[in-house]
Structure formats: structure tokens, C-alpha cells
Amino acid sequence: MESAVRLRAAVTLLGRFPALAGVDLDIVPGEVVLLKGPNGAGKTTLLRLCAGLCPLASGQGWVLGHDLGEERRMVRRRVALLGHRTGLYDDLTVAENVGFWARAAGASHQDVDEALERLSLAGRLADTRAGRLSAGQRRRASIASLVVRRPELWLLDEPHAGLDQQSRDTVDALVRGAAAAGATVVLATHELERIRVLEPRVVSVVSGMAHVDSDVVGSQGDAARHGGRLGP
């Protein structure tokens, strides 16, 4: 089976600093992986690398079969990253922002309506310009823009940040649904208890290096351990 993510001795630089310092990683299609570690450890850089947004300084990498050294633009068409930045156009309405990403992914108007409804953005908020939204509303609009694309690989960086309890529950349900439908999910979060129900394989990231935890959460991780390794 072809890996959803495959890295070999991957090094990524921020300036001259190695944010990732030689990572080996295999993630099986349909797997859920939790990246755990302190702030500044390299979790966000790893997600951005998998999204095709960070170049490899050395080593090799493939995401969904695309070479990160030669085909990073191809990677971006099939994955979606929820990062700290919203990625919204402030002069467009919420519906227009979500619709932009829907068209890029070949999704329908119905898909847009469903995403807006799911994230409690229908009605008045749908016609509100993104620049006038609260922080929580902007976060929900970003999530709707991800959901409408139905990516094969979900990359989530602190997906619950800035959300109220209802919205956090919605995010949990969306992630469970994506995983159940066969999407691969890689997420970084400090709220470990919230995603325990997903039985993720836990990967610790520290100082640009990473390894699979010995306390793999749930049966999925035990099975995936035979097909994936992360570490120096």
C-alpha cells in the first residue's frame, strides 16, 4: 500500500535553523495521527511540509504519491491545512470565501450550503465580510473552507483554538466523519482527551525530531505501528 505520507531524513529550514532535523515518517492512508509536543518543537513545520508549503532542504518526501521536491503544487490540490492563519479574504463574504475554495475543488453550491450550515455560518453570517467577523467566526469560516474541499489529507494545527464548546464538538464530529470516510488526518493539539475517541497513533515531536510514543492510543495505532516509523 502506498503511504499517504512518506518522509526520509527530511530536513526543513527556517532561515538557517533546522525546524525539522532529519525526520523519517510513514503514515498509512486512512490513519489518524496525533502530533504531540511543546510549542516550537516542529509540529507546525511538519504539517506545512506535508501540505507542500515548506521546501525540503535535504532528504526526500512524498505526499499522496507526489514528490515534495518536484511536485509540491500537485500536493496542495489534494490536501488541506488548517493553520493559525485563517486564509480568508477580508473583502469577501463568508459564503464567497467558502465558495472560492469549493470551486477550486470542484465542489457544488450544495456542498457550500452544507459546509456553512454545519459550521453555523448560514444566514446573516454567510453574507458578512470576513474582515468583520469575530475571531471564533473567522476560525469557523476557515474550517468550512477546508471541509467543502473534501481533502484526502486533513492537516490540522490546534483545530479547537478560539472556538466555543459547541464549535469544538462540531470539529470533533467533522474529524470523526472524515476518518470514517477514509481520509487521512494528521493533527497537532494540546487537547489530547478530545481526540482520544479517534484512537490516533501518537507521535511526539521535540526539537525538530520525532518518534512514535510507546503509549499508542487505541487499536489503530497498534496495527499502524507495523507500517509506519517516525524518528531519527
C-alpha atoms as a PDB file:
ATOM      1  CA  MET A   1       0.000   0.000   0.000  1.00  0.00           C
ATOM      2  CA  GLU A   2       1.311   3.428  -0.972  1.00  0.00           C
ATOM      3  CA  SER A   3       1.864   5.703   2.028  1.00  0.00           C
ATOM      4  CA  ALA A   4      -0.228   8.843   2.387  1.00  0.00           C
ATOM      5  CA  VAL A   5       2.905  10.495   3.789  1.00  0.00           C
ATOM      6  CA  ARG A   6       6.436   9.175   3.451  1.00  0.00           C
ATOM      7  CA  LEU A   7       9.470  11.136   4.634  1.00  0.00           C
ATOM      8  CA  ARG A   8      13.085  10.043   4.675  1.00  0.00           C
ATOM      9  CA  ALA A   9      15.741  12.095   6.529  1.00  0.00           C
ATOM     10  CA  ALA A  10      13.600  15.167   5.890  1.00  0.00           C
ATOM     11  CA  VAL A  11      15.187  18.485   6.855  1.00  0.00           C
ATOM     12  CA  THR A  12      13.338  21.804   6.649  1.00  0.00           C
ATOM     13  CA  LEU A  13      14.956  25.134   7.465  1.00  0.00           C
ATOM     14  CA  LEU A  14      13.502  28.310   8.904  1.00  0.00           C
ATOM     15  CA  GLY A  15      16.210  30.716   7.873  1.00  0.00           C
ATOM     16  CA  ARG A  16      19.309  28.724   8.787  1.00  0.00           C
ATOM     17  CA  PHE A  17      17.634  26.912  11.674  1.00  0.00           C
ATOM     18  CA  PRO A  18      16.618  23.264  11.079  1.00  0.00           C
ATOM     19  CA  ALA A  19      12.969  23.276  12.162  1.00  0.00           C
ATOM     20  CA  LEU A  20      12.889  19.610  11.118  1.00  0.00           C
ATOM     21  CA  ALA A  21      16.186  17.842  11.620  1.00  0.00           C
ATOM     22  CA  GLY A  22      16.039  14.567   9.720  1.00  0.00           C
ATOM     23  CA  VAL A  23      12.572  13.028  10.069  1.00  0.00           C
ATOM     24  CA  ASP A  24      11.540   9.581   8.843  1.00  0.00           C
ATOM     25  CA  LEU A  25       7.792   9.079   8.680  1.00  0.00           C
ATOM     26  CA  ASP A  26       5.244   6.741   7.162  1.00  0.00           C
ATOM     27  CA  ILE A  27       1.517   7.420   7.505  1.00  0.00           C
ATOM     28  CA  VAL A  28      -0.923   4.863   6.145  1.00  0.00           C
ATOM     29  CA  PRO A  29      -3.923   6.070   4.106  1.00  0.00           C
ATOM     30  CA  GLY A  30      -6.945   6.414   6.362  1.00  0.00           C
ATOM     31  CA  GLU A  31      -4.840   6.691   9.516  1.00  0.00           C
ATOM     32  CA  VAL A  32      -5.282   9.299  12.253  1.00  0.00           C
ATOM     33  CA  VAL A  33      -2.026  10.627  13.699  1.00  0.00           C
ATOM     34  CA  LEU A  34      -1.663  12.984  16.639  1.00  0.00           C
ATOM     35  CA  LEU A  35       1.446  15.176  16.763  1.00  0.00           C
ATOM     36  CA  LYS A  36       2.264  15.883  20.404  1.00  0.00           C
ATOM     37  CA  GLY A  37       4.968  18.175  21.731  1.00  0.00           C
ATOM     38  CA  PRO A  38       5.805  21.581  23.200  1.00  0.00           C
ATOM     39  CA  ASN A  39       5.438  24.837  21.310  1.00  0.00           C
ATOM     40  CA  GLY A  40       8.316  25.386  18.907  1.00  0.00           C
ATOM     41  CA  ALA A  41       9.081  21.673  18.620  1.00  0.00           C
ATOM     42  CA  GLY A  42       8.418  21.495  14.866  1.00  0.00           C
ATOM     43  CA  LYS A  43       4.801  20.295  14.730  1.00  0.00           C
ATOM     44  CA  THR A  44       3.581  23.207  12.601  1.00  0.00           C
ATOM     45  CA  THR A  45       6.555  22.906  10.248  1.00  0.00           C
ATOM     46  CA  LEU A  46       5.855  19.209   9.793  1.00  0.00           C
ATOM     47  CA  LEU A  47       2.242  19.957   8.896  1.00  0.00           C
ATOM     48  CA  ARG A  48       3.286  22.684   6.470  1.00  0.00           C
ATOM     49  CA  LEU A  49       5.804  20.365   4.849  1.00  0.00           C
ATOM     50  CA  CYS A  50       3.094  17.765   4.307  1.00  0.00           C
ATOM     51  CA  ALA A  51       0.893  20.490   2.805  1.00  0.00           C
ATOM     52  CA  GLY A  52       3.555  21.323   0.226  1.00  0.00           C
ATOM     53  CA  LEU A  53       4.127  24.779   1.720  1.00  0.00           C
ATOM     54  CA  CYS A  54       7.676  24.278   3.038  1.00  0.00           C
ATOM     55  CA  PRO A  55      10.548  23.129   0.816  1.00  0.00           C
ATOM     56  CA  LEU A  56      12.832  20.269   1.749  1.00  0.00           C
ATOM     57  CA  ALA A  57      16.364  21.452   2.460  1.00  0.00           C
ATOM     58  CA  SER A  58      17.557  17.849   2.242  1.00  0.00           C
ATOM     59  CA  GLY A  59      16.171  14.349   2.382  1.00  0.00           C
ATOM     60  CA  GLN A  60      13.159  13.029   0.496  1.00  0.00           C
ATOM     61  CA  GLY A  61       9.399  13.198   0.870  1.00  0.00           C
ATOM     62  CA  TRP A  62       6.216  12.067  -0.824  1.00  0.00           C
ATOM     63  CA  VAL A  63       2.619  13.010  -0.028  1.00  0.00           C
ATOM     64  CA  LEU A  64      -0.199  11.082  -1.723  1.00  0.00           C
ATOM     65  CA  GLY A  65       2.405   9.806  -4.178  1.00  0.00           C
ATOM     66  CA  HIS A  66       3.704  13.260  -5.137  1.00  0.00           C
ATOM     67  CA  ASP A  67       7.398  14.071  -4.713  1.00  0.00           C
ATOM     68  CA  LEU A  68       7.792  17.035  -2.355  1.00  0.00           C
ATOM     69  CA  GLY A  69      10.940  18.032  -4.189  1.00  0.00           C
ATOM     70  CA  GLU A  70       9.312  18.248  -7.630  1.00  0.00           C
ATOM     71  CA  GLU A  71       5.522  18.301  -7.255  1.00  0.00           C
ATOM     72  CA  ARG A  72       4.634  20.473  -4.274  1.00  0.00           C
ATOM     73  CA  ARG A  73       1.907  22.257  -6.244  1.00  0.00           C
ATOM     74  CA  MET A  74       0.255  18.935  -7.033  1.00  0.00           C
ATOM     75  CA  VAL A  75       0.236  18.105  -3.328  1.00  0.00           C
ATOM     76  CA  ARG A  76      -1.647  21.307  -2.500  1.00  0.00           C
ATOM     77  CA  ARG A  77      -4.588  20.288  -4.698  1.00  0.00           C
ATOM     78  CA  ARG A  78      -5.278  17.169  -2.646  1.00  0.00           C
ATOM     79  CA  VAL A  79      -4.608  18.256   0.929  1.00  0.00           C
ATOM     80  CA  ALA A  80      -5.981  20.989   3.182  1.00  0.00           C
ATOM     81  CA  LEU A  81      -4.223  22.695   6.068  1.00  0.00           C
ATOM     82  CA  LEU A  82      -5.986  24.434   8.931  1.00  0.00           C
ATOM     83  CA  GLY A  83      -3.261  26.624  10.360  1.00  0.00           C
ATOM     84  CA  HIS A  84      -3.021  29.555  12.725  1.00  0.00           C
ATOM     85  CA  ARG A  85      -3.787  31.970   9.898  1.00  0.00           C
ATOM     86  CA  THR A  86      -7.349  31.914   8.624  1.00  0.00           C
ATOM     87  CA  GLY A  87      -6.557  32.080   4.920  1.00  0.00           C
ATOM     88  CA  LEU A  88      -9.682  34.208   4.384  1.00  0.00           C
ATOM     89  CA  TYR A  89     -10.049  37.180   2.037  1.00  0.00           C
ATOM     90  CA  ASP A  90     -11.289  40.004   4.258  1.00  0.00           C
ATOM     91  CA  ASP A  91     -13.118  41.814   1.441  1.00  0.00           C
ATOM     92  CA  LEU A  92     -15.165  38.706   0.543  1.00  0.00           C
ATOM     93  CA  THR A  93     -18.169  37.441   2.440  1.00  0.00           C
ATOM     94  CA  VAL A  94     -18.090  34.142   4.304  1.00  0.00           C
ATOM     95  CA  ALA A  95     -20.101  32.463   1.542  1.00  0.00           C
ATOM     96  CA  GLU A  96     -17.788  33.887  -1.125  1.00  0.00           C
ATOM     97  CA  ASN A  97     -14.710  32.648   0.730  1.00  0.00           C
ATOM     98  CA  VAL A  98     -16.092  29.141   1.102  1.00  0.00           C
ATOM     99  CA  GLY A  99     -17.345  29.233  -2.482  1.00  0.00           C
ATOM    100  CA  PHE A 100     -13.864  30.167  -3.724  1.00  0.00           C
ATOM    101  CA  TRP A 101     -12.384  27.006  -2.223  1.00  0.00           C
ATOM    102  CA  ALA A 102     -15.359  24.964  -3.377  1.00  0.00           C
ATOM    103  CA  ARG A 103     -14.791  25.968  -6.992  1.00  0.00           C
ATOM    104  CA  ALA A 104     -11.089  25.166  -6.706  1.00  0.00           C
ATOM    105  CA  ALA A 105     -12.003  21.659  -5.532  1.00  0.00           C
ATOM    106  CA  GLY A 106     -14.865  21.137  -7.977  1.00  0.00           C
ATOM    107  CA  ALA A 107     -17.474  21.137  -5.209  1.00  0.00           C
ATOM    108  CA  SER A 108     -21.092  22.200  -5.735  1.00  0.00           C
ATOM    109  CA  HIS A 109     -23.250  25.024  -4.387  1.00  0.00           C
ATOM    110  CA  GLN A 110     -24.975  22.411  -2.244  1.00  0.00           C
ATOM    111  CA  ASP A 111     -21.607  21.488  -0.734  1.00  0.00           C
ATOM    112  CA  VAL A 112     -21.073  25.161   0.150  1.00  0.00           C
ATOM    113  CA  ASP A 113     -24.507  25.408   1.776  1.00  0.00           C
ATOM    114  CA  GLU A 114     -23.882  22.227   3.780  1.00  0.00           C
ATOM    115  CA  ALA A 115     -20.483  23.445   5.000  1.00  0.00           C
ATOM    116  CA  LEU A 116     -21.934  26.797   6.071  1.00  0.00           C
ATOM    117  CA  GLU A 117     -24.800  25.096   7.864  1.00  0.00           C
ATOM    118  CA  ARG A 118     -22.535  22.609   9.601  1.00  0.00           C
ATOM    119  CA  LEU A 119     -20.334  25.400  10.991  1.00  0.00           C
ATOM    120  CA  SER A 120     -23.319  27.598  11.994  1.00  0.00           C
ATOM    121  CA  LEU A 121     -22.453  30.192   9.344  1.00  0.00           C
ATOM    122  CA  ALA A 122     -25.661  30.166   7.301  1.00  0.00           C
ATOM    123  CA  GLY A 123     -27.994  33.149   7.063  1.00  0.00           C
ATOM    124  CA  ARG A 124     -26.734  36.571   8.103  1.00  0.00           C
ATOM    125  CA  LEU A 125     -23.171  35.427   8.773  1.00  0.00           C
ATOM    126  CA  ALA A 126     -22.877  33.945   5.285  1.00  0.00           C
ATOM    127  CA  ASP A 127     -23.311  37.455   3.843  1.00  0.00           C
ATOM    128  CA  THR A 128     -20.896  39.110   6.284  1.00  0.00           C
ATOM    129  CA  ARG A 129     -17.472  40.152   5.030  1.00  0.00           C
ATOM    130  CA  ALA A 130     -14.707  38.124   6.623  1.00  0.00           C
ATOM    131  CA  GLY A 131     -12.950  41.247   7.852  1.00  0.00           C
ATOM    132  CA  ARG A 132     -15.887  41.988  10.172  1.00  0.00           C
ATOM    133  CA  LEU A 133     -16.027  38.555  11.833  1.00  0.00           C
ATOM    134  CA  SER A 134     -15.008  37.769  15.386  1.00  0.00           C
ATOM    135  CA  ALA A 135     -12.009  35.506  15.939  1.00  0.00           C
ATOM    136  CA  GLY A 136     -14.226  32.485  16.568  1.00  0.00           C
ATOM    137  CA  GLN A 137     -16.347  33.177  13.490  1.00  0.00           C
ATOM    138  CA  ARG A 138     -13.238  33.520  11.350  1.00  0.00           C
ATOM    139  CA  ARG A 139     -11.995  30.186  12.645  1.00  0.00           C
ATOM    140  CA  ARG A 140     -15.294  28.527  11.767  1.00  0.00           C
ATOM    141  CA  ALA A 141     -15.183  30.053   8.286  1.00  0.00           C
ATOM    142  CA  SER A 142     -11.685  28.632   7.806  1.00  0.00           C
ATOM    143  CA  ILE A 143     -12.901  25.198   8.852  1.00  0.00           C
ATOM    144  CA  ALA A 144     -15.846  25.448   6.448  1.00  0.00           C
ATOM    145  CA  SER A 145     -13.400  26.322   3.662  1.00  0.00           C
ATOM    146  CA  LEU A 146     -11.456  23.154   4.470  1.00  0.00           C
ATOM    147  CA  VAL A 147     -14.492  20.889   4.801  1.00  0.00           C
ATOM    148  CA  VAL A 148     -16.011  21.936   1.483  1.00  0.00           C
ATOM    149  CA  ARG A 149     -12.874  20.767  -0.340  1.00  0.00           C
ATOM    150  CA  ARG A 150     -13.188  17.186   0.979  1.00  0.00           C
ATOM    151  CA  PRO A 151      -9.407  16.730   1.008  1.00  0.00           C
ATOM    152  CA  GLU A 152      -7.753  13.340   1.033  1.00  0.00           C
ATOM    153  CA  LEU A 153      -5.347  14.526   3.734  1.00  0.00           C
ATOM    154  CA  TRP A 154      -6.507  16.745   6.606  1.00  0.00           C
ATOM    155  CA  LEU A 155      -3.709  18.687   8.337  1.00  0.00           C
ATOM    156  CA  LEU A 156      -4.984  20.415  11.469  1.00  0.00           C
ATOM    157  CA  ASP A 157      -2.940  22.726  13.674  1.00  0.00           C
ATOM    158  CA  GLU A 158      -4.735  23.306  17.005  1.00  0.00           C
ATOM    159  CA  PRO A 159      -8.166  22.915  15.357  1.00  0.00           C
ATOM    160  CA  HIS A 160     -10.088  23.828  18.544  1.00  0.00           C
ATOM    161  CA  ALA A 161      -8.293  27.145  19.122  1.00  0.00           C
ATOM    162  CA  GLY A 162     -10.620  30.135  19.541  1.00  0.00           C
ATOM    163  CA  LEU A 163     -13.821  28.055  19.410  1.00  0.00           C
ATOM    164  CA  ASP A 164     -16.683  27.746  21.871  1.00  0.00           C
ATOM    165  CA  GLN A 165     -17.791  24.368  23.191  1.00  0.00           C
ATOM    166  CA  GLN A 166     -20.435  23.815  20.519  1.00  0.00           C
ATOM    167  CA  SER A 167     -17.988  24.571  17.727  1.00  0.00           C
ATOM    168  CA  ARG A 168     -15.364  22.317  19.283  1.00  0.00           C
ATOM    169  CA  ASP A 169     -17.872  19.484  19.325  1.00  0.00           C
ATOM    170  CA  THR A 170     -18.623  20.184  15.663  1.00  0.00           C
ATOM    171  CA  VAL A 171     -14.919  19.982  14.786  1.00  0.00           C
ATOM    172  CA  ASP A 172     -14.657  16.659  16.627  1.00  0.00           C
ATOM    173  CA  ALA A 173     -17.612  15.299  14.670  1.00  0.00           C
ATOM    174  CA  LEU A 174     -16.151  16.504  11.357  1.00  0.00           C
ATOM    175  CA  VAL A 175     -12.802  14.848  12.072  1.00  0.00           C
ATOM    176  CA  ARG A 176     -14.505  11.592  13.067  1.00  0.00           C
ATOM    177  CA  GLY A 177     -16.574  11.708   9.883  1.00  0.00           C
ATOM    178  CA  ALA A 178     -13.542  12.369   7.678  1.00  0.00           C
ATOM    179  CA  ALA A 179     -11.625   9.494   9.249  1.00  0.00           C
ATOM    180  CA  ALA A 180     -14.613   7.161   8.916  1.00  0.00           C
ATOM    181  CA  ALA A 181     -14.896   8.098   5.229  1.00  0.00           C
ATOM    182  CA  GLY A 182     -11.258   7.107   4.650  1.00  0.00           C
ATOM    183  CA  ALA A 183      -9.464  10.453   4.765  1.00  0.00           C
ATOM    184  CA  THR A 184      -6.047  10.615   6.425  1.00  0.00           C
ATOM    185  CA  VAL A 185      -5.916  13.013   9.374  1.00  0.00           C
ATOM    186  CA  VAL A 186      -2.789  14.483  10.973  1.00  0.00           C
ATOM    187  CA  LEU A 187      -3.398  16.947  13.777  1.00  0.00           C
ATOM    188  CA  ALA A 188      -1.445  18.838  16.387  1.00  0.00           C
ATOM    189  CA  THR A 189      -3.280  19.728  19.576  1.00  0.00           C
ATOM    190  CA  HIS A 190      -2.695  20.125  23.299  1.00  0.00           C
ATOM    191  CA  GLU A 191      -6.254  18.934  23.996  1.00  0.00           C
ATOM    192  CA  LEU A 192      -5.378  15.249  23.993  1.00  0.00           C
ATOM    193  CA  GLU A 193      -8.524  14.000  25.703  1.00  0.00           C
ATOM    194  CA  ARG A 194     -10.766  15.440  22.998  1.00  0.00           C
ATOM    195  CA  ILE A 195      -9.326  13.268  20.252  1.00  0.00           C
ATOM    196  CA  ARG A 196      -8.822  10.098  22.285  1.00  0.00           C
ATOM    197  CA  VAL A 197     -12.040   8.696  20.805  1.00  0.00           C
ATOM    198  CA  LEU A 198     -10.313   8.678  17.396  1.00  0.00           C
ATOM    199  CA  GLU A 199      -7.695   6.207  18.727  1.00  0.00           C
ATOM    200  CA  PRO A 200      -4.846   8.056  16.998  1.00  0.00           C
ATOM    201  CA  ARG A 201      -1.279   6.900  16.688  1.00  0.00           C
ATOM    202  CA  VAL A 202       0.645   9.337  18.874  1.00  0.00           C
ATOM    203  CA  VAL A 203       3.860  10.878  17.582  1.00  0.00           C
ATOM    204  CA  SER A 204       5.983  13.075  19.847  1.00  0.00           C
ATOM    205  CA  VAL A 205       7.850  15.953  18.217  1.00  0.00           C
ATOM    206  CA  VAL A 206      10.698  17.550  20.158  1.00  0.00           C
ATOM    207  CA  SER A 207      13.423  19.869  18.832  1.00  0.00           C
ATOM    208  CA  GLY A 208      12.704  19.032  15.210  1.00  0.00           C
ATOM    209  CA  MET A 209      12.928  15.275  15.837  1.00  0.00           C
ATOM    210  CA  ALA A 210      10.067  12.857  16.289  1.00  0.00           C
ATOM    211  CA  HIS A 211       9.242   9.356  17.462  1.00  0.00           C
ATOM    212  CA  VAL A 212       6.220   7.121  17.903  1.00  0.00           C
ATOM    213  CA  ASP A 213       5.105   7.073  21.531  1.00  0.00           C
ATOM    214  CA  SER A 214       5.187   3.807  23.414  1.00  0.00           C
ATOM    215  CA  ASP A 215       1.673   4.529  24.725  1.00  0.00           C
ATOM    216  CA  VAL A 216      -0.119   4.293  21.385  1.00  0.00           C
ATOM    217  CA  VAL A 217      -3.743   5.288  21.874  1.00  0.00           C
ATOM    218  CA  GLY A 218      -6.149   2.591  20.714  1.00  0.00           C
ATOM    219  CA  SER A 219      -6.056  -0.407  18.430  1.00  0.00           C
ATOM    220  CA  GLN A 220      -5.485   1.565  15.215  1.00  0.00           C
ATOM    221  CA  GLY A 221      -2.053   2.615  16.375  1.00  0.00           C
ATOM    222  CA  ASP A 222      -1.042  -0.963  17.154  1.00  0.00           C
ATOM    223  CA  ALA A 223      -1.885  -2.011  13.613  1.00  0.00           C
ATOM    224  CA  ALA A 224      -0.281   1.038  12.032  1.00  0.00           C
ATOM    225  CA  ARG A 225       2.932   0.629  14.003  1.00  0.00           C
ATOM    226  CA  HIS A 226       3.962  -2.154  11.636  1.00  0.00           C
ATOM    227  CA  GLY A 227       3.682   0.168   8.650  1.00  0.00           C
ATOM    228  CA  GLY A 228       4.986   3.439   9.993  1.00  0.00           C
ATOM    229  CA  ARG A 229       8.069   4.762  11.733  1.00  0.00           C
ATOM    230  CA  LEU A 230       8.996   8.246  12.720  1.00  0.00           C
ATOM    231  CA  GLY A 231      12.337   9.213  14.149  1.00  0.00           C
ATOM    232  CA  PRO A 232      15.992   9.951  13.526  1.00  0.00           C
END
